[in-house]
Amino acid sequence: MRHATTGTLDALEPLLVRLRDLPGLTERRRGVFYRRSRAFLHFHEDPSGPYADVRFGDEFERLRVATPAERDALVARVAAGIGWP
C-alpha cells in the first residue's frame, strides 16, 4: 500500500475540506494532518480503494474511505477523537 497520489487526493478533496474545518488539525502537506506536533492522519491507496491512517492513541488505525458512508464515518471518528461535538 503506497501513500496517496495527487490523483487520489484530488478525488478525496471534499473529504479533505471537511477535515480542514475541524479544530485542532493542521494540514502540513496536502492530505497529511497533524494534531499539535504529532502526525495524526494521512492517506494511502490500494487496489481496493483509498484508506486513511488515523492515530487514535499511540497507534495508527487504517480505515477505508472509498464510499461516502466510509468518509462520513471517518469524519465522525476524527471529530470524536479530538473532542469536537
C-alpha atoms as a PDB file:
ATOM      1  CA  MET A   1       0.000   0.000   0.000  1.00  0.00           C
ATOM      2  CA  ARG A   2       1.507   3.306  -1.021  1.00  0.00           C
ATOM      3  CA  HIS A   3       0.900   6.860   0.069  1.00  0.00           C
ATOM      4  CA  ALA A   4      -1.904   8.590  -1.799  1.00  0.00           C
ATOM      5  CA  THR A   5      -1.017  10.177  -5.112  1.00  0.00           C
ATOM      6  CA  THR A   6      -2.207  13.566  -6.304  1.00  0.00           C
ATOM      7  CA  GLY A   7      -4.989  11.888  -8.272  1.00  0.00           C
ATOM      8  CA  THR A   8      -6.286  10.087  -5.208  1.00  0.00           C
ATOM      9  CA  LEU A   9      -6.096  13.259  -3.142  1.00  0.00           C
ATOM     10  CA  ASP A  10      -7.989  15.088  -5.889  1.00  0.00           C
ATOM     11  CA  ALA A  11     -10.774  12.511  -5.597  1.00  0.00           C
ATOM     12  CA  LEU A  12     -10.735  12.926  -1.810  1.00  0.00           C
ATOM     13  CA  GLU A  13     -10.782  16.739  -1.903  1.00  0.00           C
ATOM     14  CA  PRO A  14     -14.336  17.070  -0.478  1.00  0.00           C
ATOM     15  CA  LEU A  15     -13.217  14.913   2.462  1.00  0.00           C
ATOM     16  CA  LEU A  16     -10.047  16.973   2.886  1.00  0.00           C
ATOM     17  CA  VAL A  17     -12.166  20.142   3.038  1.00  0.00           C
ATOM     18  CA  ARG A  18     -14.236  18.642   5.863  1.00  0.00           C
ATOM     19  CA  LEU A  19     -11.099  17.627   7.768  1.00  0.00           C
ATOM     20  CA  ARG A  20      -9.580  21.090   7.324  1.00  0.00           C
ATOM     21  CA  ASP A  21     -12.644  22.533   9.075  1.00  0.00           C
ATOM     22  CA  LEU A  22     -12.060  20.505  12.243  1.00  0.00           C
ATOM     23  CA  PRO A  23     -10.382  22.489  15.026  1.00  0.00           C
ATOM     24  CA  GLY A  24      -7.030  21.304  16.270  1.00  0.00           C
ATOM     25  CA  LEU A  25      -5.865  19.749  12.991  1.00  0.00           C
ATOM     26  CA  THR A  26      -3.138  21.302  10.860  1.00  0.00           C
ATOM     27  CA  GLU A  27      -2.558  20.180   7.288  1.00  0.00           C
ATOM     28  CA  ARG A  28       1.215  20.338   6.843  1.00  0.00           C
ATOM     29  CA  ARG A  29       1.150  18.862   3.344  1.00  0.00           C
ATOM     30  CA  ARG A  30      -1.883  18.130   1.266  1.00  0.00           C
ATOM     31  CA  GLY A  31      -3.647  15.194   2.891  1.00  0.00           C
ATOM     32  CA  VAL A  32      -1.230  14.984   5.849  1.00  0.00           C
ATOM     33  CA  PHE A  33      -2.731  16.271   9.080  1.00  0.00           C
ATOM     34  CA  TYR A  34      -1.076  16.886  12.427  1.00  0.00           C
ATOM     35  CA  ARG A  35      -2.580  17.347  15.843  1.00  0.00           C
ATOM     36  CA  ARG A  36      -0.347  19.539  17.923  1.00  0.00           C
ATOM     37  CA  SER A  37       3.171  18.498  16.867  1.00  0.00           C
ATOM     38  CA  ARG A  38       2.313  14.859  16.143  1.00  0.00           C
ATOM     39  CA  ALA A  39       1.339  13.183  12.882  1.00  0.00           C
ATOM     40  CA  PHE A  40      -2.369  12.355  13.141  1.00  0.00           C
ATOM     41  CA  LEU A  41      -3.873  11.416   9.764  1.00  0.00           C
ATOM     42  CA  HIS A  42      -2.669  10.643   6.239  1.00  0.00           C
ATOM     43  CA  PHE A  43      -3.895   8.698   3.233  1.00  0.00           C
ATOM     44  CA  HIS A  44      -2.857   5.606   1.307  1.00  0.00           C
ATOM     45  CA  GLU A  45      -4.127   3.970  -1.844  1.00  0.00           C
ATOM     46  CA  ASP A  46      -4.594   0.332  -2.661  1.00  0.00           C
ATOM     47  CA  PRO A  47      -6.347  -1.527  -5.492  1.00  0.00           C
ATOM     48  CA  SER A  48      -9.292  -1.919  -3.078  1.00  0.00           C
ATOM     49  CA  GLY A  49      -9.564   1.858  -2.686  1.00  0.00           C
ATOM     50  CA  PRO A  50      -8.247   4.744  -0.605  1.00  0.00           C
ATOM     51  CA  TYR A  51      -7.526   4.410   3.106  1.00  0.00           C
ATOM     52  CA  ALA A  52      -6.840   6.830   5.930  1.00  0.00           C
ATOM     53  CA  ASP A  53      -4.342   6.090   8.678  1.00  0.00           C
ATOM     54  CA  VAL A  54      -5.518   7.868  11.834  1.00  0.00           C
ATOM     55  CA  ARG A  55      -3.714   7.972  15.153  1.00  0.00           C
ATOM     56  CA  PHE A  56      -6.131   7.016  17.886  1.00  0.00           C
ATOM     57  CA  GLY A  57      -3.949   6.751  20.974  1.00  0.00           C
ATOM     58  CA  ASP A  58      -0.397   5.606  20.300  1.00  0.00           C
ATOM     59  CA  GLU A  59      -1.047   3.590  17.149  1.00  0.00           C
ATOM     60  CA  PHE A  60      -2.414   4.337  13.698  1.00  0.00           C
ATOM     61  CA  GLU A  61      -5.628   2.660  12.638  1.00  0.00           C
ATOM     62  CA  ARG A  62      -6.300   2.119   8.942  1.00  0.00           C
ATOM     63  CA  LEU A  63      -9.819   2.997   7.771  1.00  0.00           C
ATOM     64  CA  ARG A  64     -11.170   2.602   4.255  1.00  0.00           C
ATOM     65  CA  VAL A  65     -12.596   5.820   2.766  1.00  0.00           C
ATOM     66  CA  ALA A  66     -13.843   4.664  -0.633  1.00  0.00           C
ATOM     67  CA  THR A  67     -17.553   5.415  -0.152  1.00  0.00           C
ATOM     68  CA  PRO A  68     -19.447   8.458   1.122  1.00  0.00           C
ATOM     69  CA  ALA A  69     -20.566   6.463   4.188  1.00  0.00           C
ATOM     70  CA  GLU A  70     -16.958   5.494   4.975  1.00  0.00           C
ATOM     71  CA  ARG A  71     -15.886   9.133   4.622  1.00  0.00           C
ATOM     72  CA  ASP A  72     -18.699  10.286   6.926  1.00  0.00           C
ATOM     73  CA  ALA A  73     -17.644   7.658   9.471  1.00  0.00           C
ATOM     74  CA  LEU A  74     -14.031   8.863   9.301  1.00  0.00           C
ATOM     75  CA  VAL A  75     -15.000  12.474   9.913  1.00  0.00           C
ATOM     76  CA  ALA A  76     -17.232  11.437  12.840  1.00  0.00           C
ATOM     77  CA  ARG A  77     -14.478   9.337  14.432  1.00  0.00           C
ATOM     78  CA  VAL A  78     -11.845  12.021  13.947  1.00  0.00           C
ATOM     79  CA  ALA A  79     -14.159  14.695  15.373  1.00  0.00           C
ATOM     80  CA  ALA A  80     -14.903  12.494  18.386  1.00  0.00           C
ATOM     81  CA  GLY A  81     -11.206  11.679  18.773  1.00  0.00           C
ATOM     82  CA  ILE A  82     -10.256  15.347  19.002  1.00  0.00           C
ATOM     83  CA  GLY A  83     -13.149  16.152  21.294  1.00  0.00           C
ATOM     84  CA  TRP A  84     -15.294  18.005  18.772  1.00  0.00           C
ATOM     85  CA  PRO A  85     -19.062  17.517  19.096  1.00  0.00           C
END
